[in-house]
Structures are given as structure tokens and as C-alpha cells.
Amino acid sequence: MSASTCSKLSPCSPLYVAFSNQQPSKGHSLRHHRLNRKRRLTKQTKEKKMAVLVKKEMEIKNLKLYLENKSIIEENEKLRKKALLLHQENQALFYQLQKKSSNPLHDHLAPNN
């Protein structure tokens, strides 16, 4: 191609080839580094906020489960006491039944005076 048909910025131009092989300027690299750092910090901040939210949600769930567990334990204790009273009442009634059933038999076998 002739130089007259190539513009200064076309790929066949010597200026294009010379500039395309150059490394980015330090200013560009610094801006790029700062932008990446800002993006990374923003992402880290979002992740930290999410971690805090998740932690708070877990604490709330944990508290709710703790209160529910405490309520179940209290109800269990009430039922245990009730069961103990019923067991004692059952034993007393059984003792009375044995006593009544053993007396007629004892009176029947005893000699009459």
C-alpha cells in the first residue's frame, strides 16, 4: 500500500505500529490500579456488610430457638411433676385396693369367736 492511501491511524501506518507496541503510560497504570483497588474495596465492603447481616440473622434465629427450647424445657418439667403426682396417686389407690381385697379373705380364714 502506498503512504497516500493509508491514514496516520490505520494499521498499515508506521505511527500506528509504533504506538500500538508501546506500554500504557504510568498515569494510565496508576489510574487503573486505583480503580481496581476501589472496586476491590467496594466489593470487600459489600461482603462485610452481608456478613454482618447474616450474623445478625443467625443471632436472631439462635435467640428464637433458645426461647423455644426454654419453653419446651419448662413445659417438660411441669409434665414431669404432674406425672410424678399421678404415679403417687396411682400407688396410693393400688395400696388401698390391695388392703380392701386382703381384708375379706383374712376375715374369712380367721376363726370365729
PDB file of N, CA and C in Angstrom:
ATOM      1  N   MET A   1       0.844  -1.167   0.000  1.00  0.00           N
ATOM      2  CA  MET A   1       0.000   0.000   0.000  1.00  0.00           C
ATOM      3  C   MET A   1       0.885   1.223   0.000  1.00  0.00           C
ATOM      4  N   SER A   2       0.391   2.228  -0.651  1.00  0.00           N
ATOM      5  CA  SER A   2       1.168   3.469  -0.693  1.00  0.00           C
ATOM      6  C   SER A   2       0.847   4.302   0.520  1.00  0.00           C
ATOM      7  N   ALA A   3       1.737   5.210   0.844  1.00  0.00           N
ATOM      8  CA  ALA A   3       1.558   6.075   2.011  1.00  0.00           C
ATOM      9  C   ALA A   3       0.380   7.004   1.809  1.00  0.00           C
ATOM     10  N   SER A   4       0.035   7.304   0.553  1.00  0.00           N
ATOM     11  CA  SER A   4      -1.062   8.220   0.311  1.00  0.00           C
ATOM     12  C   SER A   4      -2.422   7.579   0.601  1.00  0.00           C
ATOM     13  N   THR A   5      -2.504   6.254   0.483  1.00  0.00           N
ATOM     14  CA  THR A   5      -3.780   5.592   0.738  1.00  0.00           C
ATOM     15  C   THR A   5      -3.977   5.260   2.217  1.00  0.00           C
ATOM     16  N   CYS A   6      -2.921   5.235   3.022  1.00  0.00           N
ATOM     17  CA  CYS A   6      -3.019   4.919   4.453  1.00  0.00           C
ATOM     18  C   CYS A   6      -3.129   6.211   5.244  1.00  0.00           C
ATOM     19  N   SER A   7      -4.062   6.226   6.173  1.00  0.00           N
ATOM     20  CA  SER A   7      -4.147   7.391   7.062  1.00  0.00           C
ATOM     21  C   SER A   7      -3.145   7.186   8.187  1.00  0.00           C
ATOM     22  N   LYS A   8      -2.960   8.240   9.001  1.00  0.00           N
ATOM     23  CA  LYS A   8      -1.959   8.168  10.071  1.00  0.00           C
ATOM     24  C   LYS A   8      -2.335   7.134  11.141  1.00  0.00           C
ATOM     25  N   LEU A   9      -3.618   6.851  11.329  1.00  0.00           N
ATOM     26  CA  LEU A   9      -4.042   5.945  12.399  1.00  0.00           C
ATOM     27  C   LEU A   9      -4.463   4.568  11.887  1.00  0.00           C
ATOM     28  N   SER A  10      -4.292   4.302  10.608  1.00  0.00           N
ATOM     29  CA  SER A  10      -4.668   2.992  10.084  1.00  0.00           C
ATOM     30  C   SER A  10      -3.585   1.968  10.440  1.00  0.00           C
ATOM     31  N   PRO A  11      -3.935   0.693  10.499  1.00  0.00           N
ATOM     32  CA  PRO A  11      -2.975  -0.338  10.886  1.00  0.00           C
ATOM     33  C   PRO A  11      -1.758  -0.431   9.984  1.00  0.00           C
ATOM     34  N   CYS A  12      -1.817   0.059   8.773  1.00  0.00           N
ATOM     35  CA  CYS A  12      -0.652  -0.013   7.894  1.00  0.00           C
ATOM     36  C   CYS A  12       0.277   1.177   8.073  1.00  0.00           C
ATOM     37  N   SER A  13      -0.124   2.133   8.862  1.00  0.00           N
ATOM     38  CA  SER A  13       0.716   3.315   9.052  1.00  0.00           C
ATOM     39  C   SER A  13       1.836   3.024  10.042  1.00  0.00           C
ATOM     40  N   PRO A  14       3.038   3.566   9.818  1.00  0.00           N
ATOM     41  CA  PRO A  14       4.163   3.351  10.746  1.00  0.00           C
ATOM     42  C   PRO A  14       3.885   3.940  12.134  1.00  0.00           C
ATOM     43  N   LEU A  15       3.123   5.034  12.207  1.00  0.00           N
ATOM     44  CA  LEU A  15       2.802   5.616  13.515  1.00  0.00           C
ATOM     45  C   LEU A  15       1.917   4.668  14.319  1.00  0.00           C
ATOM     46  N   TYR A  16       0.984   4.013  13.661  1.00  0.00           N
ATOM     47  CA  TYR A  16       0.082   3.077  14.340  1.00  0.00           C
ATOM     48  C   TYR A  16       0.877   1.909  14.916  1.00  0.00           C
ATOM     49  N   VAL A  17       1.790   1.375  14.098  1.00  0.00           N
ATOM     50  CA  VAL A  17       2.609   0.247  14.534  1.00  0.00           C
ATOM     51  C   VAL A  17       3.491   0.660  15.706  1.00  0.00           C
ATOM     52  N   ALA A  18       4.069   1.847  15.656  1.00  0.00           N
ATOM     53  CA  ALA A  18       4.962   2.322  16.724  1.00  0.00           C
ATOM     54  C   ALA A  18       4.192   2.521  18.024  1.00  0.00           C
ATOM     55  N   PHE A  19       3.001   3.117  17.952  1.00  0.00           N
ATOM     56  CA  PHE A  19       2.239   3.393  19.169  1.00  0.00           C
ATOM     57  C   PHE A  19       1.524   2.146  19.707  1.00  0.00           C
ATOM     58  N   SER A  20       1.201   1.213  18.820  1.00  0.00           N
ATOM     59  CA  SER A  20       0.486   0.027  19.284  1.00  0.00           C
ATOM     60  C   SER A  20       1.395  -0.894  20.094  1.00  0.00           C
ATOM     61  N   ASN A  21       2.673  -0.823  19.909  1.00  0.00           N
ATOM     62  CA  ASN A  21       3.620  -1.661  20.642  1.00  0.00           C
ATOM     63  C   ASN A  21       4.029  -1.054  21.985  1.00  0.00           C
ATOM     64  N   GLN A  22       3.664   0.163  22.242  1.00  0.00           N
ATOM     65  CA  GLN A  22       4.069   0.814  23.493  1.00  0.00           C
ATOM     66  C   GLN A  22       3.238   0.312  24.666  1.00  0.00           C
ATOM     67  N   GLN A  23       3.857   0.339  25.829  1.00  0.00           N
ATOM     68  CA  GLN A  23       3.162   0.006  27.081  1.00  0.00           C
ATOM     69  C   GLN A  23       2.326   1.203  27.496  1.00  0.00           C
ATOM     70  N   PRO A  24       1.261   0.988  28.262  1.00  0.00           N
ATOM     71  CA  PRO A  24       0.469   2.116  28.729  1.00  0.00           C
ATOM     72  C   PRO A  24       1.311   3.012  29.629  1.00  0.00           C
ATOM     73  N   SER A  25       0.962   4.282  29.648  1.00  0.00           N
ATOM     74  CA  SER A  25       1.722   5.228  30.464  1.00  0.00           C
ATOM     75  C   SER A  25       1.548   4.916  31.938  1.00  0.00           C
ATOM     76  N   LYS A  26       2.457   5.431  32.774  1.00  0.00           N
ATOM     77  CA  LYS A  26       2.379   5.189  34.211  1.00  0.00           C
ATOM     78  C   LYS A  26       1.115   5.811  34.791  1.00  0.00           C
ATOM     79  N   GLY A  27       0.703   6.946  34.232  1.00  0.00           N
ATOM     80  CA  GLY A  27      -0.524   7.590  34.693  1.00  0.00           C
ATOM     81  C   GLY A  27      -1.721   6.685  34.484  1.00  0.00           C
ATOM     82  N   HIS A  28      -1.758   6.082  33.301  1.00  0.00           N
ATOM     83  CA  HIS A  28      -2.843   5.152  32.997  1.00  0.00           C
ATOM     84  C   HIS A  28      -2.780   3.950  33.943  1.00  0.00           C
ATOM     85  N   SER A  29      -1.588   3.422  34.152  1.00  0.00           N
ATOM     86  CA  SER A  29      -1.415   2.265  35.024  1.00  0.00           C
ATOM     87  C   SER A  29      -1.830   2.603  36.452  1.00  0.00           C
ATOM     88  N   LEU A  30      -1.487   3.793  36.914  1.00  0.00           N
ATOM     89  CA  LEU A  30      -1.837   4.217  38.267  1.00  0.00           C
ATOM     90  C   LEU A  30      -3.355   4.376  38.398  1.00  0.00           C
ATOM     91  N   ARG A  31      -3.980   4.991  37.379  1.00  0.00           N
ATOM     92  CA  ARG A  31      -5.432   5.127  37.403  1.00  0.00           C
ATOM     93  C   ARG A  31      -6.100   3.756  37.405  1.00  0.00           C
ATOM     94  N   HIS A  32      -5.565   2.864  36.584  1.00  0.00           N
ATOM     95  CA  HIS A  32      -6.087   1.508  36.505  1.00  0.00           C
ATOM     96  C   HIS A  32      -5.950   0.806  37.862  1.00  0.00           C
ATOM     97  N   HIS A  33      -4.787   0.953  38.489  1.00  0.00           N
ATOM     98  CA  HIS A  33      -4.547   0.347  39.797  1.00  0.00           C
ATOM     99  C   HIS A  33      -5.516   0.911  40.841  1.00  0.00           C
ATOM    100  N   ARG A  34      -5.704   2.230  40.842  1.00  0.00           N
ATOM    101  CA  ARG A  34      -6.611   2.865  41.805  1.00  0.00           C
ATOM    102  C   ARG A  34      -8.054   2.416  41.587  1.00  0.00           C
ATOM    103  N   LEU A  35      -8.450   2.301  40.331  1.00  0.00           N
ATOM    104  CA  LEU A  35      -9.802   1.860  40.016  1.00  0.00           C
ATOM    105  C   LEU A  35     -10.019   0.419  40.481  1.00  0.00           C
ATOM    106  N   ASN A  36      -9.043  -0.432  40.218  1.00  0.00           N
ATOM    107  CA  ASN A  36      -9.153  -1.824  40.665  1.00  0.00           C
ATOM    108  C   ASN A  36      -9.205  -1.910  42.187  1.00  0.00           C
ATOM    109  N   ARG A  37      -8.391  -1.091  42.851  1.00  0.00           N
ATOM    110  CA  ARG A  37      -8.378  -1.077  44.314  1.00  0.00           C
ATOM    111  C   ARG A  37      -9.739  -0.619  44.849  1.00  0.00           C
ATOM    112  N   LYS A  38     -10.284   0.430  44.223  1.00  0.00           N
ATOM    113  CA  LYS A  38     -11.589   0.937  44.652  1.00  0.00           C
ATOM    114  C   LYS A  38     -12.666  -0.133  44.457  1.00  0.00           C
ATOM    115  N   ARG A  39     -12.621  -0.825  43.326  1.00  0.00           N
ATOM    116  CA  ARG A  39     -13.582  -1.895  43.060  1.00  0.00           C
ATOM    117  C   ARG A  39     -13.433  -3.019  44.093  1.00  0.00           C
ATOM    118  N   ARG A  40     -12.182  -3.385  44.369  1.00  0.00           N
ATOM    119  CA  ARG A  40     -11.921  -4.448  45.334  1.00  0.00           C
ATOM    120  C   ARG A  40     -12.417  -4.046  46.725  1.00  0.00           C
ATOM    121  N   LEU A  41     -12.138  -2.803  47.143  1.00  0.00           N
ATOM    122  CA  LEU A  41     -12.569  -2.332  48.452  1.00  0.00           C
ATOM    123  C   LEU A  41     -14.089  -2.253  48.533  1.00  0.00           C
ATOM    124  N   THR A  42     -14.710  -1.818  47.443  1.00  0.00           N
ATOM    125  CA  THR A  42     -16.169  -1.758  47.405  1.00  0.00           C
ATOM    126  C   THR A  42     -16.749  -3.166  47.543  1.00  0.00           C
ATOM    127  N   LYS A  43     -16.165  -4.108  46.836  1.00  0.00           N
ATOM    128  CA  LYS A  43     -16.620  -5.498  46.914  1.00  0.00           C
ATOM    129  C   LYS A  43     -16.414  -6.037  48.330  1.00  0.00           C
ATOM    130  N   GLN A  44     -15.260  -5.750  48.929  1.00  0.00           N
ATOM    131  CA  GLN A  44     -14.990  -6.206  50.295  1.00  0.00           C
ATOM    132  C   GLN A  44     -15.963  -5.572  51.284  1.00  0.00           C
ATOM    133  N   THR A  45     -16.277  -4.297  51.084  1.00  0.00           N
ATOM    134  CA  THR A  45     -17.233  -3.619  51.963  1.00  0.00           C
ATOM    135  C   THR A  45     -18.603  -4.273  51.863  1.00  0.00           C
ATOM    136  N   LYS A  46     -19.034  -4.570  50.634  1.00  0.00           N
ATOM    137  CA  LYS A  46     -20.320  -5.240  50.438  1.00  0.00           C
ATOM    138  C   LYS A  46     -20.317  -6.612  51.107  1.00  0.00           C
ATOM    139  N   GLU A  47     -19.206  -7.341  50.964  1.00  0.00           N
ATOM    140  CA  GLU A  47     -19.111  -8.663  51.570  1.00  0.00           C
ATOM    141  C   GLU A  47     -19.169  -8.565  53.096  1.00  0.00           C
ATOM    142  N   LYS A  48     -18.501  -7.554  53.655  1.00  0.00           N
ATOM    143  CA  LYS A  48     -18.525  -7.366  55.109  1.00  0.00           C
ATOM    144  C   LYS A  48     -19.930  -7.023  55.579  1.00  0.00           C
ATOM    145  N   LYS A  49     -20.629  -6.161  54.840  1.00  0.00           N
ATOM    146  CA  LYS A  49     -21.997  -5.804  55.204  1.00  0.00           C
ATOM    147  C   LYS A  49     -22.893  -7.029  55.154  1.00  0.00           C
ATOM    148  N   MET A  50     -22.719  -7.854  54.120  1.00  0.00           N
ATOM    149  CA  MET A  50     -23.513  -9.078  54.007  1.00  0.00           C
ATOM    150  C   MET A  50     -23.202 -10.020  55.162  1.00  0.00           C
ATOM    151  N   ALA A  51     -21.922 -10.117  55.532  1.00  0.00           N
ATOM    152  CA  ALA A  51     -21.535 -10.981  56.648  1.00  0.00           C
ATOM    153  C   ALA A  51     -22.175 -10.496  57.945  1.00  0.00           C
ATOM    154  N   VAL A  52     -22.224  -9.180  58.136  1.00  0.00           N
ATOM    155  CA  VAL A  52     -22.847  -8.615  59.339  1.00  0.00           C
ATOM    156  C   VAL A  52     -24.343  -8.929  59.338  1.00  0.00           C
ATOM    157  N   LEU A  53     -24.992  -8.778  58.195  1.00  0.00           N
ATOM    158  CA  LEU A  53     -26.425  -9.084  58.099  1.00  0.00           C
ATOM    159  C   LEU A  53     -26.698 -10.555  58.377  1.00  0.00           C
ATOM    160  N   VAL A  54     -25.881 -11.415  57.800  1.00  0.00           N
ATOM    161  CA  VAL A  54     -26.057 -12.852  58.007  1.00  0.00           C
ATOM    162  C   VAL A  54     -25.834 -13.188  59.482  1.00  0.00           C
ATOM    163  N   LYS A  55     -24.832 -12.563  60.086  1.00  0.00           N
ATOM    164  CA  LYS A  55     -24.549 -12.805  61.501  1.00  0.00           C
ATOM    165  C   LYS A  55     -25.735 -12.369  62.370  1.00  0.00           C
ATOM    166  N   LYS A  56     -26.302 -11.203  62.076  1.00  0.00           N
ATOM    167  CA  LYS A  56     -27.459 -10.728  62.844  1.00  0.00           C
ATOM    168  C   LYS A  56     -28.650 -11.659  62.665  1.00  0.00           C
ATOM    169  N   GLU A  57     -28.881 -12.114  61.437  1.00  0.00           N
ATOM    170  CA  GLU A  57     -29.979 -13.046  61.184  1.00  0.00           C
ATOM    171  C   GLU A  57     -29.781 -14.342  61.962  1.00  0.00           C
ATOM    172  N   MET A  58     -28.545 -14.830  61.987  1.00  0.00           N
ATOM    173  CA  MET A  58     -28.245 -16.052  62.725  1.00  0.00           C
ATOM    174  C   MET A  58     -28.450 -15.845  64.226  1.00  0.00           C
ATOM    175  N   GLU A  59     -28.060 -14.683  64.729  1.00  0.00           N
ATOM    176  CA  GLU A  59     -28.246 -14.395  66.149  1.00  0.00           C
ATOM    177  C   GLU A  59     -29.735 -14.351  66.499  1.00  0.00           C
ATOM    178  N   ILE A  60     -30.535 -13.759  65.621  1.00  0.00           N
ATOM    179  CA  ILE A  60     -31.987 -13.689  65.848  1.00  0.00           C
ATOM    180  C   ILE A  60     -32.586 -15.098  65.835  1.00  0.00           C
ATOM    181  N   LYS A  61     -32.203 -15.908  64.848  1.00  0.00           N
ATOM    182  CA  LYS A  61     -32.698 -17.287  64.775  1.00  0.00           C
ATOM    183  C   LYS A  61     -32.270 -18.069  66.014  1.00  0.00           C
ATOM    184  N   ASN A  62     -31.020 -17.862  66.425  1.00  0.00           N
ATOM    185  CA  ASN A  62     -30.499 -18.554  67.598  1.00  0.00           C
ATOM    186  C   ASN A  62     -31.294 -18.167  68.848  1.00  0.00           C
ATOM    187  N   LEU A  63     -31.595 -16.883  68.989  1.00  0.00           N
ATOM    188  CA  LEU A  63     -32.370 -16.410  70.136  1.00  0.00           C
ATOM    189  C   LEU A  63     -33.777 -17.014  70.128  1.00  0.00           C
ATOM    190  N   LYS A  64     -34.406 -17.032  68.954  1.00  0.00           N
ATOM    191  CA  LYS A  64     -35.748 -17.620  68.851  1.00  0.00           C
ATOM    192  C   LYS A  64     -35.726 -19.098  69.222  1.00  0.00           C
ATOM    193  N   LEU A  65     -34.724 -19.819  68.733  1.00  0.00           N
ATOM    194  CA  LEU A  65     -34.617 -21.246  69.058  1.00  0.00           C
ATOM    195  C   LEU A  65     -34.335 -21.449  70.543  1.00  0.00           C
ATOM    196  N   TYR A  66     -33.511 -20.581  71.127  1.00  0.00           N
ATOM    197  CA  TYR A  66     -33.205 -20.659  72.558  1.00  0.00           C
ATOM    198  C   TYR A  66     -34.484 -20.479  73.376  1.00  0.00           C
ATOM    199  N   LEU A  67     -35.284 -19.458  73.023  1.00  0.00           N
ATOM    200  CA  LEU A  67     -36.527 -19.209  73.756  1.00  0.00           C
ATOM    201  C   LEU A  67     -37.513 -20.360  73.590  1.00  0.00           C
ATOM    202  N   GLU A  68     -37.601 -20.901  72.395  1.00  0.00           N
ATOM    203  CA  GLU A  68     -38.492 -22.040  72.154  1.00  0.00           C
ATOM    204  C   GLU A  68     -38.029 -23.251  72.965  1.00  0.00           C
ATOM    205  N   ASN A  69     -36.722 -23.487  72.984  1.00  0.00           N
ATOM    206  CA  ASN A  69     -36.161 -24.600  73.747  1.00  0.00           C
ATOM    207  C   ASN A  69     -36.437 -24.427  75.243  1.00  0.00           C
ATOM    208  N   LYS A  70     -36.268 -23.203  75.727  1.00  0.00           N
ATOM    209  CA  LYS A  70     -36.517 -22.912  77.140  1.00  0.00           C
ATOM    210  C   LYS A  70     -37.986 -23.186  77.488  1.00  0.00           C
ATOM    211  N   SER A  71     -38.874 -22.775  76.613  1.00  0.00           N
ATOM    212  CA  SER A  71     -40.301 -23.005  76.823  1.00  0.00           C
ATOM    213  C   SER A  71     -40.611 -24.506  76.852  1.00  0.00           C
ATOM    214  N   ILE A  72     -40.007 -25.259  75.964  1.00  0.00           N
ATOM    215  CA  ILE A  72     -40.225 -26.712  75.913  1.00  0.00           C
ATOM    216  C   ILE A  72     -39.703 -27.365  77.190  1.00  0.00           C
ATOM    217  N   ILE A  73     -38.543 -26.922  77.662  1.00  0.00           N
ATOM    218  CA  ILE A  73     -37.972 -27.477  78.896  1.00  0.00           C
ATOM    219  C   ILE A  73     -38.885 -27.185  80.088  1.00  0.00           C
ATOM    220  N   GLU A  74     -39.414 -25.966  80.159  1.00  0.00           N
ATOM    221  CA  GLU A  74     -40.328 -25.611  81.247  1.00  0.00           C
ATOM    222  C   GLU A  74     -41.594 -26.474  81.200  1.00  0.00           C
ATOM    223  N   GLU A  75     -42.151 -26.655  80.009  1.00  0.00           N
ATOM    224  CA  GLU A  75     -43.340 -27.491  79.844  1.00  0.00           C
ATOM    225  C   GLU A  75     -43.023 -28.937  80.226  1.00  0.00           C
ATOM    226  N   ASN A  76     -41.855 -29.401  79.874  1.00  0.00           N
ATOM    227  CA  ASN A  76     -41.424 -30.756  80.215  1.00  0.00           C
ATOM    228  C   ASN A  76     -41.353 -30.930  81.732  1.00  0.00           C
ATOM    229  N   GLU A  77     -40.827 -29.937  82.431  1.00  0.00           N
ATOM    230  CA  GLU A  77     -40.753 -30.003  83.895  1.00  0.00           C
ATOM    231  C   GLU A  77     -42.146 -30.052  84.514  1.00  0.00           C
ATOM    232  N   LYS A  78     -43.069 -29.243  84.004  1.00  0.00           N
ATOM    233  CA  LYS A  78     -44.445 -29.270  84.506  1.00  0.00           C
ATOM    234  C   LYS A  78     -45.060 -30.651  84.311  1.00  0.00           C
ATOM    235  N   LEU A  79     -44.866 -31.229  83.119  1.00  0.00           N
ATOM    236  CA  LEU A  79     -45.416 -32.554  82.833  1.00  0.00           C
ATOM    237  C   LEU A  79     -44.766 -33.629  83.700  1.00  0.00           C
ATOM    238  N   ARG A  80     -43.483 -33.476  83.961  1.00  0.00           N
ATOM    239  CA  ARG A  80     -42.774 -34.437  84.812  1.00  0.00           C
ATOM    240  C   ARG A  80     -43.353 -34.416  86.240  1.00  0.00           C
ATOM    241  N   LYS A  81     -43.599 -33.212  86.767  1.00  0.00           N
ATOM    242  CA  LYS A  81     -44.185 -33.078  88.111  1.00  0.00           C
ATOM    243  C   LYS A  81     -45.592 -33.668  88.145  1.00  0.00           C
ATOM    244  N   LYS A  82     -46.363 -33.397  87.097  1.00  0.00           N
ATOM    245  CA  LYS A  82     -47.723 -33.925  87.003  1.00  0.00           C
ATOM    246  C   LYS A  82     -47.689 -35.449  86.951  1.00  0.00           C
ATOM    247  N   ALA A  83     -46.763 -36.000  86.178  1.00  0.00           N
ATOM    248  CA  ALA A  83     -46.640 -37.456  86.072  1.00  0.00           C
ATOM    249  C   ALA A  83     -46.247 -38.058  87.417  1.00  0.00           C
ATOM    250  N   LEU A  84     -45.373 -37.394  88.173  1.00  0.00           N
ATOM    251  CA  LEU A  84     -44.979 -37.887  89.488  1.00  0.00           C
ATOM    252  C   LEU A  84     -46.169 -37.906  90.441  1.00  0.00           C
ATOM    253  N   LEU A  85     -46.966 -36.833  90.429  1.00  0.00           N
ATOM    254  CA  LEU A  85     -48.165 -36.791  91.282  1.00  0.00           C
ATOM    255  C   LEU A  85     -49.156 -37.896  90.904  1.00  0.00           C
ATOM    256  N   LEU A  86     -49.360 -38.101  89.609  1.00  0.00           N
ATOM    257  CA  LEU A  86     -50.262 -39.164  89.155  1.00  0.00           C
ATOM    258  C   LEU A  86     -49.740 -40.543  89.558  1.00  0.00           C
ATOM    259  N   HIS A  87     -48.430 -40.727  89.478  1.00  0.00           N
ATOM    260  CA  HIS A  87     -47.831 -42.009  89.873  1.00  0.00           C
ATOM    261  C   HIS A  87     -48.043 -42.247  91.378  1.00  0.00           C
ATOM    262  N   GLN A  88     -47.833 -41.207  92.176  1.00  0.00           N
ATOM    263  CA  GLN A  88     -48.038 -41.331  93.624  1.00  0.00           C
ATOM    264  C   GLN A  88     -49.503 -41.630  93.945  1.00  0.00           C
ATOM    265  N   GLU A  89     -50.415 -40.951  93.254  1.00  0.00           N
ATOM    266  CA  GLU A  89     -51.840 -41.197  93.455  1.00  0.00           C
ATOM    267  C   GLU A  89     -52.199 -42.621  93.063  1.00  0.00           C
ATOM    268  N   ASN A  90     -51.619 -43.090  91.960  1.00  0.00           N
ATOM    269  CA  ASN A  90     -51.860 -44.452  91.494  1.00  0.00           C
ATOM    270  C   ASN A  90     -51.367 -45.468  92.523  1.00  0.00           C
ATOM    271  N   GLN A  91     -50.197 -45.233  93.096  1.00  0.00           N
ATOM    272  CA  GLN A  91     -49.668 -46.141  94.120  1.00  0.00           C
ATOM    273  C   GLN A  91     -50.567 -46.165  95.357  1.00  0.00           C
ATOM    274  N   ALA A  92     -51.047 -44.987  95.779  1.00  0.00           N
ATOM    275  CA  ALA A  92     -51.930 -44.912  96.953  1.00  0.00           C
ATOM    276  C   ALA A  92     -53.234 -45.671  96.695  1.00  0.00           C
ATOM    277  N   LEU A  93     -53.808 -45.495  95.513  1.00  0.00           N
ATOM    278  CA  LEU A  93     -55.048 -46.202  95.176  1.00  0.00           C
ATOM    279  C   LEU A  93     -54.820 -47.716  95.097  1.00  0.00           C
ATOM    280  N   PHE A  94     -53.692 -48.094  94.541  1.00  0.00           N
ATOM    281  CA  PHE A  94     -53.366 -49.517  94.440  1.00  0.00           C
ATOM    282  C   PHE A  94     -53.191 -50.123  95.836  1.00  0.00           C
ATOM    283  N   TYR A  95     -52.548 -49.386  96.718  1.00  0.00           N
ATOM    284  CA  TYR A  95     -52.361 -49.846  98.098  1.00  0.00           C
ATOM    285  C   TYR A  95     -53.718 -50.020  98.779  1.00  0.00           C
ATOM    286  N   GLN A  96     -54.616 -49.057  98.591  1.00  0.00           N
ATOM    287  CA  GLN A  96     -55.961 -49.153  99.191  1.00  0.00           C
ATOM    288  C   GLN A  96     -56.718 -50.355  98.627  1.00  0.00           C
ATOM    289  N   LEU A  97     -56.578 -50.593  97.333  1.00  0.00           N
ATOM    290  CA  LEU A  97     -57.250 -51.733  96.705  1.00  0.00           C
ATOM    291  C   LEU A  97     -56.719 -53.045  97.264  1.00  0.00           C
ATOM    292  N   GLN A  98     -55.409 -53.132  97.416  1.00  0.00           N
ATOM    293  CA  GLN A  98     -54.817 -54.343  97.988  1.00  0.00           C
ATOM    294  C   GLN A  98     -55.302 -54.560  99.424  1.00  0.00           C
ATOM    295  N   LYS A  99     -55.377 -53.471 100.168  1.00  0.00           N
ATOM    296  CA  LYS A  99     -55.795 -53.541 101.565  1.00  0.00           C
ATOM    297  C   LYS A  99     -57.243 -54.041 101.662  1.00  0.00           C
ATOM    298  N   LYS A 100     -58.121 -53.515 100.823  1.00  0.00           N
ATOM    299  CA  LYS A 100     -59.532 -53.931 100.829  1.00  0.00           C
ATOM    300  C   LYS A 100     -59.682 -55.376 100.379  1.00  0.00           C
ATOM    301  N   SER A 101     -58.918 -55.761  99.381  1.00  0.00           N
ATOM    302  CA  SER A 101     -59.061 -57.119  98.859  1.00  0.00           C
ATOM    303  C   SER A 101     -58.449 -58.147  99.801  1.00  0.00           C
ATOM    304  N   SER A 102     -57.485 -57.759 100.586  1.00  0.00           N
ATOM    305  CA  SER A 102     -56.874 -58.717 101.511  1.00  0.00           C
ATOM    306  C   SER A 102     -57.683 -58.859 102.794  1.00  0.00           C
ATOM    307  N   ASN A 103     -58.443 -57.866 103.203  1.00  0.00           N
ATOM    308  CA  ASN A 103     -59.218 -57.933 104.429  1.00  0.00           C
ATOM    309  C   ASN A 103     -60.335 -58.968 104.371  1.00  0.00           C
ATOM    310  N   PRO A 104     -61.180 -59.043 103.341  1.00  0.00           N
ATOM    311  CA  PRO A 104     -62.243 -60.053 103.332  1.00  0.00           C
ATOM    312  C   PRO A 104     -61.677 -61.467 103.338  1.00  0.00           C
ATOM    313  N   LEU A 105     -60.613 -61.686 102.669  1.00  0.00           N
ATOM    314  CA  LEU A 105     -60.011 -63.005 102.643  1.00  0.00           C
ATOM    315  C   LEU A 105     -59.466 -63.339 104.026  1.00  0.00           C
ATOM    316  N   HIS A 106     -58.862 -62.376 104.679  1.00  0.00           N
ATOM    317  CA  HIS A 106     -58.307 -62.585 106.007  1.00  0.00           C
ATOM    318  C   HIS A 106     -59.424 -62.862 107.012  1.00  0.00           C
ATOM    319  N   ASP A 107     -60.558 -62.134 106.895  1.00  0.00           N
ATOM    320  CA  ASP A 107     -61.691 -62.349 107.794  1.00  0.00           C
ATOM    321  C   ASP A 107     -62.329 -63.715 107.560  1.00  0.00           C
ATOM    322  N   HIS A 108     -62.335 -64.186 106.368  1.00  0.00           N
ATOM    323  CA  HIS A 108     -62.946 -65.463 106.040  1.00  0.00           C
ATOM    324  C   HIS A 108     -62.139 -66.630 106.625  1.00  0.00           C
ATOM    325  N   LEU A 109     -60.808 -66.508 106.614  1.00  0.00           N
ATOM    326  CA  LEU A 109     -59.953 -67.575 107.111  1.00  0.00           C
ATOM    327  C   LEU A 109     -59.802 -67.542 108.637  1.00  0.00           C
ATOM    328  N   ALA A 110     -60.055 -66.440 109.250  1.00  0.00           N
ATOM    329  CA  ALA A 110     -59.862 -66.329 110.694  1.00  0.00           C
ATOM    330  C   ALA A 110     -60.972 -67.081 111.445  1.00  0.00           C
ATOM    331  N   PRO A 111     -60.638 -67.699 112.593  1.00  0.00           N
ATOM    332  CA  PRO A 111     -61.672 -68.438 113.354  1.00  0.00           C
ATOM    333  C   PRO A 111     -62.673 -67.473 113.996  1.00  0.00           C
ATOM    334  N   ASN A 112     -63.914 -67.869 114.023  1.00  0.00           N
ATOM    335  CA  ASN A 112     -64.957 -67.033 114.617  1.00  0.00           C
ATOM    336  C   ASN A 112     -64.979 -67.234 116.126  1.00  0.00           C
ATOM    337  N   ASN A 113     -65.163 -66.171 116.885  1.00  0.00           N
ATOM    338  CA  ASN A 113     -65.241 -66.262 118.344  1.00  0.00           C
ATOM    339  C   ASN A 113     -66.619 -66.163 118.833  1.00  0.00           C
TER     340      ASN A 113
END
